[in-house]
Amino acid sequence: MSENYKVPTMAEMASKGETPEVLFWVGCAGSFDDRYKAVTQAFVKILNKVNVSFAVLGPEEACTGDPARRSGNEFLFQMQAVANIQVLNGYEVKKVVTACPHCFNTIKNEYPALGGNYEVIHHSQFLQELINEGKIALKGGGEFKGKKITFHDSCYLGRANDVYEAPREVIKALDVELVEMKRCRTKGLCCGAGGAQMFKEPEPGKKDINIERTEEALATGANAIAVGCPFCLTMMTDGVKNKEKEQEVKVMDLAEMVAKDMGI
């Protein structure tokens, strides 16, 4: 991978008296998880390629507090949220883009009560906007041309925030066949990681949720499973490995698919 991409920080831009069009909220997974770092890099390459004015907080960004609140530690959530809001408001941030539905949901719906009011959009929506405006020119070829791709609806993107069309429009722009699982959109099934379940072992039962969901995805005959969430990416990848299908079926984030098609 070429290292020639630029990631300015808000502090650097502020020192020059500049304000970016959007703040890219990277999130914990995008910063520290080896697999999801590739998604961050793919998204940044796209932003660079189409000359979007953006910046990240860098070391000034902390966890949104979503896992703390979901697991019942309200005190820790409020501490993390208030600290982040102070930083965001200090830079007078207006628009936030993130590749994580958990960050998206928390900043969009839960920060306003604590004084953090921003326009928050998920990277699938941002990519759709760039495609619709003609800024992203997709070749429609590449390794996905004519292949079957299924999209797994992330809980916090779909049912919690009614974002169903944007990711599907991005996938359709890749000149592929979108095949839907039986449980999709408003009836989508969780990957098994939401509500802070990501950080603990599942309770005893007949089957892990991510295995159930992977079986539904594989039943579509798709060559790839597209996701728009770091938790879903991990859980669906683990499910595909469990079924020993990792050679035949790829699990990829939307940004990775778009970047690949753009040849960057």
Protein backbone atom coordinates (compact mmCIF):
# COMPACT_ATOMS: atom_id res chain seq x y z
CA MET A 1 0.00 0.00 0.00
CA SER A 2 1.30 3.42 -0.89
CA GLU A 3 1.88 5.72 2.06
CA ASN A 4 1.24 8.91 0.11
CA TYR A 5 -2.00 9.99 1.70
CA LYS A 6 -2.57 13.04 3.86
CA VAL A 7 -4.37 13.03 7.20
CA PRO A 8 -4.39 16.54 8.69
CA THR A 9 -5.37 17.00 12.34
CA MET A 10 -7.75 19.65 13.62
CA ALA A 11 -4.91 21.11 15.70
CA GLU A 12 -2.69 21.51 12.61
CA MET A 13 -5.50 23.15 10.64
CA ALA A 14 -6.47 25.43 13.52
CA SER A 15 -2.85 26.59 13.86
CA LYS A 16 -3.04 27.74 10.22
CA GLY A 17 -6.40 29.38 10.79
CA GLU A 18 -8.11 26.83 8.53
CA THR A 19 -11.39 24.98 9.08
CA PRO A 20 -12.07 21.67 7.31
CA GLU A 21 -15.41 20.93 5.67
CA VAL A 22 -15.78 17.75 7.75
CA LEU A 23 -14.29 16.14 10.81
CA PHE A 24 -13.56 12.45 10.19
CA TRP A 25 -14.25 10.69 13.49
CA VAL A 26 -12.04 7.60 13.29
CA GLY A 27 -13.27 5.71 16.35
CA CYS A 28 -11.48 3.13 18.50
CA ALA A 29 -11.70 0.30 15.96
CA GLY A 30 -10.54 2.50 13.09
CA SER A 31 -7.58 3.61 15.19
CA PHE A 32 -6.47 0.42 16.92
CA ASP A 33 -8.00 -2.69 15.32
CA ASP A 34 -5.57 -3.99 12.70
CA ARG A 35 -8.31 -5.13 10.34
CA TYR A 36 -10.35 -1.94 10.61
CA LYS A 37 -7.32 0.31 10.15
CA ALA A 38 -7.49 -0.80 6.49
CA VAL A 39 -10.99 0.70 6.31
CA THR A 40 -9.75 3.99 7.76
CA GLN A 41 -6.95 4.06 5.19
CA ALA A 42 -9.32 3.23 2.32
CA PHE A 43 -11.72 6.01 3.34
CA VAL A 44 -8.89 8.54 3.74
CA LYS A 45 -7.55 7.64 0.29
CA ILE A 46 -11.00 8.29 -1.18
CA LEU A 47 -11.25 11.66 0.61
CA ASN A 48 -7.78 12.60 -0.64
CA LYS A 49 -8.56 11.50 -4.18
CA VAL A 50 -11.72 13.60 -4.46
CA ASN A 51 -10.18 16.56 -2.59
CA VAL A 52 -12.55 16.63 0.36
CA SER A 53 -11.38 19.09 3.00
CA PHE A 54 -11.26 17.02 6.18
CA ALA A 55 -9.30 16.58 9.40
CA VAL A 56 -9.12 14.12 12.28
CA LEU A 57 -8.73 14.83 15.99
CA GLY A 58 -5.77 12.46 16.30
CA PRO A 59 -4.66 12.06 19.93
CA GLU A 60 -7.45 14.43 21.02
CA GLU A 61 -10.10 11.86 20.05
CA ALA A 62 -11.30 9.50 22.78
CA CYS A 63 -13.91 6.72 22.78
CA THR A 64 -17.42 8.13 22.37
CA GLY A 65 -18.54 6.23 25.46
CA ASP A 66 -20.93 3.92 23.58
CA PRO A 67 -19.59 0.64 25.06
CA ALA A 68 -19.63 2.16 28.56
CA ARG A 69 -23.28 3.25 28.30
CA ARG A 70 -24.43 -0.01 26.67
CA SER A 71 -22.79 -2.07 29.39
CA GLY A 72 -24.37 0.05 32.12
CA ASN A 73 -21.59 2.44 33.19
CA GLU A 74 -23.44 5.73 32.75
CA PHE A 75 -20.88 7.66 34.79
CA LEU A 76 -18.01 6.67 32.50
CA PHE A 77 -20.15 7.42 29.41
CA GLN A 78 -20.86 10.96 30.61
CA MET A 79 -17.18 11.58 31.43
CA GLN A 80 -16.06 10.43 27.97
CA ALA A 81 -18.87 12.22 26.15
CA VAL A 82 -18.39 15.56 27.90
CA ALA A 83 -14.62 15.47 27.28
CA ASN A 84 -15.19 14.81 23.56
CA ILE A 85 -17.87 17.50 23.29
CA GLN A 86 -15.50 20.07 24.84
CA VAL A 87 -12.88 19.24 22.18
CA LEU A 88 -15.40 19.29 19.31
CA ASN A 89 -16.98 22.56 20.46
CA GLY A 90 -13.55 24.06 21.02
CA TYR A 91 -12.82 23.53 17.31
CA GLU A 92 -16.35 24.70 16.40
CA VAL A 93 -16.99 21.46 14.53
CA LYS A 94 -20.19 21.51 12.46
CA LYS A 95 -20.10 18.28 10.43
CA VAL A 96 -18.86 14.85 11.53
CA VAL A 97 -18.34 11.79 9.30
CA THR A 98 -17.59 8.39 10.80
CA ALA A 99 -17.23 4.82 9.54
CA CYS A 100 -18.60 3.39 12.80
CA PRO A 101 -22.40 3.19 13.34
CA HIS A 102 -21.87 3.11 17.12
CA CYS A 103 -19.94 6.40 17.04
CA PHE A 104 -22.49 7.72 14.51
CA ASN A 105 -25.47 6.91 16.73
CA THR A 106 -23.87 8.19 19.94
CA ILE A 107 -22.62 11.52 18.56
CA LYS A 108 -25.81 12.10 16.54
CA ASN A 109 -28.45 11.09 19.06
CA GLU A 110 -26.88 11.14 22.53
CA TYR A 111 -24.39 14.03 22.48
CA PRO A 112 -27.03 16.77 21.94
CA ALA A 113 -28.38 16.20 25.48
CA LEU A 114 -24.90 17.02 26.79
CA GLY A 115 -24.37 20.10 24.62
CA GLY A 116 -22.87 18.53 21.49
CA ASN A 117 -24.91 19.44 18.41
CA TYR A 118 -23.43 18.48 15.04
CA GLU A 119 -24.50 17.24 11.63
CA VAL A 120 -23.42 13.60 11.81
CA ILE A 121 -23.32 11.31 8.80
CA HIS A 122 -22.17 7.75 8.30
CA HIS A 123 -19.49 7.07 5.72
CA SER A 124 -21.97 5.10 3.57
CA GLN A 125 -24.09 8.27 3.26
CA PHE A 126 -21.01 10.37 2.53
CA LEU A 127 -19.83 7.94 -0.14
CA GLN A 128 -23.30 7.93 -1.70
CA GLU A 129 -23.26 11.76 -1.81
CA LEU A 130 -19.83 11.77 -3.48
CA ILE A 131 -20.99 9.20 -6.05
CA ASN A 132 -24.24 11.10 -6.77
CA GLU A 133 -22.33 14.35 -7.21
CA GLY A 134 -20.00 12.67 -9.69
CA LYS A 135 -16.94 13.28 -7.49
CA ILE A 136 -16.29 9.55 -7.18
CA ALA A 137 -16.05 8.04 -10.65
CA LEU A 138 -16.47 4.30 -10.34
CA LYS A 139 -15.13 2.14 -13.14
CA GLY A 140 -17.81 -0.46 -12.53
CA GLY A 141 -15.22 -3.10 -13.28
CA GLY A 142 -12.61 -4.57 -11.05
CA GLU A 143 -12.93 -7.71 -9.04
CA PHE A 144 -16.62 -7.19 -8.15
CA LYS A 145 -18.05 -6.77 -11.65
CA GLY A 146 -21.06 -9.03 -12.09
CA LYS A 147 -20.50 -10.69 -8.72
CA LYS A 148 -23.16 -11.25 -6.09
CA ILE A 149 -22.81 -9.11 -2.98
CA THR A 150 -25.05 -9.13 0.06
CA PHE A 151 -25.23 -6.27 2.57
CA HIS A 152 -25.49 -6.87 6.30
CA ASP A 153 -27.50 -4.10 7.98
CA SER A 154 -25.78 -2.85 11.11
CA CYS A 155 -28.27 -2.35 13.98
CA TYR A 156 -27.18 1.18 14.79
CA LEU A 157 -27.20 2.22 11.15
CA GLY A 158 -30.42 0.50 10.10
CA ARG A 159 -33.03 -0.01 12.78
CA ALA A 160 -31.70 2.71 15.08
CA ASN A 161 -31.27 5.43 12.42
CA ASP A 162 -33.21 4.28 9.31
CA VAL A 163 -30.16 4.34 7.03
CA TYR A 164 -30.93 1.55 4.58
CA GLU A 165 -30.61 3.00 1.10
CA ALA A 166 -27.20 4.72 1.17
CA PRO A 167 -25.10 1.55 1.58
CA ARG A 168 -27.16 -0.29 -1.03
CA GLU A 169 -26.82 2.59 -3.53
CA VAL A 170 -23.04 2.51 -3.04
CA ILE A 171 -22.98 -1.25 -3.70
CA LYS A 172 -25.18 -0.94 -6.80
CA ALA A 173 -22.81 1.73 -8.18
CA LEU A 174 -20.10 -0.96 -8.24
CA ASP A 175 -21.95 -2.75 -11.09
CA VAL A 176 -22.69 -5.85 -9.03
CA GLU A 177 -25.74 -7.92 -8.25
CA LEU A 178 -27.07 -7.02 -4.80
CA VAL A 179 -28.67 -10.09 -3.20
CA GLU A 180 -30.63 -9.65 0.00
CA MET A 181 -30.73 -11.96 3.00
CA LYS A 182 -34.17 -13.05 4.20
CA ARG A 183 -33.74 -10.91 7.29
CA CYS A 184 -32.69 -7.48 6.04
CA ARG A 185 -33.51 -3.79 6.42
CA THR A 186 -36.05 -3.29 9.26
CA LYS A 187 -36.03 -7.05 9.93
CA GLY A 188 -32.23 -7.33 9.88
CA LEU A 189 -30.49 -9.57 12.40
CA CYS A 190 -27.73 -8.30 14.69
CA CYS A 191 -24.21 -9.62 14.05
CA GLY A 192 -24.02 -10.47 17.74
CA ALA A 193 -21.69 -7.68 18.88
CA GLY A 194 -24.03 -4.78 19.68
CA GLY A 195 -24.92 -3.57 23.17
CA ALA A 196 -21.30 -4.10 24.33
CA GLN A 197 -21.61 -7.85 23.63
CA MET A 198 -18.46 -7.41 21.50
CA PHE A 199 -16.35 -7.44 24.66
CA LYS A 200 -17.63 -10.58 26.36
CA GLU A 201 -18.29 -14.21 25.62
CA PRO A 202 -21.87 -15.09 24.60
CA GLU A 203 -24.28 -16.67 27.07
CA PRO A 204 -24.90 -20.42 26.66
CA GLY A 205 -27.33 -21.31 23.88
CA LYS A 206 -27.76 -23.44 20.78
CA LYS A 207 -25.80 -21.19 18.41
CA ASP A 208 -23.81 -17.95 18.38
CA ILE A 209 -25.65 -15.09 16.68
CA ASN A 210 -22.80 -14.37 14.28
CA ILE A 211 -22.91 -17.99 13.05
CA GLU A 212 -26.66 -17.72 12.44
CA ARG A 213 -26.17 -14.45 10.55
CA THR A 214 -23.26 -15.81 8.51
CA GLU A 215 -25.36 -18.81 7.48
CA GLU A 216 -28.03 -16.42 6.20
CA ALA A 217 -25.40 -14.46 4.23
CA LEU A 218 -23.86 -17.60 2.71
CA ALA A 219 -27.34 -18.88 1.75
CA THR A 220 -27.67 -15.97 -0.71
CA GLY A 221 -24.77 -17.38 -2.75
CA ALA A 222 -22.94 -14.05 -2.45
CA ASN A 223 -19.24 -13.80 -3.34
CA ALA A 224 -18.78 -11.03 -0.77
CA ILE A 225 -20.49 -9.76 2.36
CA ALA A 226 -20.48 -5.96 2.55
CA VAL A 227 -20.62 -4.24 5.92
CA GLY A 228 -20.47 -0.69 7.23
CA CYS A 229 -19.43 -1.31 10.83
CA PRO A 230 -16.25 -2.49 12.58
CA PHE A 231 -18.13 -4.81 14.95
CA CYS A 232 -20.06 -6.40 12.07
CA LEU A 233 -16.84 -6.80 10.09
CA THR A 234 -15.23 -8.75 12.94
CA MET A 235 -18.28 -10.91 13.67
CA MET A 236 -19.06 -11.76 10.03
CA THR A 237 -15.38 -12.49 9.32
CA ASP A 238 -15.29 -14.85 12.31
CA GLY A 239 -18.50 -16.48 11.08
CA VAL A 240 -17.07 -17.05 7.59
CA LYS A 241 -13.91 -18.54 9.14
CA ASN A 242 -16.07 -20.81 11.29
CA LYS A 243 -17.67 -22.13 8.09
CA GLU A 244 -14.22 -22.41 6.47
CA LYS A 245 -15.35 -20.23 3.55
CA GLU A 246 -12.76 -17.44 3.83
CA GLN A 247 -11.23 -18.37 0.47
CA GLU A 248 -14.55 -18.12 -1.40
CA VAL A 249 -16.37 -15.33 0.46
CA LYS A 250 -14.79 -12.00 1.35
CA VAL A 251 -16.09 -9.72 4.11
CA MET A 252 -15.37 -6.09 3.26
CA ASP A 253 -16.34 -2.61 4.31
CA LEU A 254 -18.03 -0.37 1.74
CA ALA A 255 -15.07 2.05 1.73
CA GLU A 256 -12.70 -0.79 0.83
CA MET A 257 -14.90 -1.84 -2.07
CA VAL A 258 -15.12 1.72 -3.42
CA ALA A 259 -11.37 2.33 -3.03
CA LYS A 260 -10.61 -0.95 -4.83
CA ASP A 261 -12.91 -0.03 -7.71
CA MET A 262 -11.25 3.39 -7.94
CA GLY A 263 -7.87 1.67 -8.11
CA ILE A 264 -6.43 3.45 -5.06
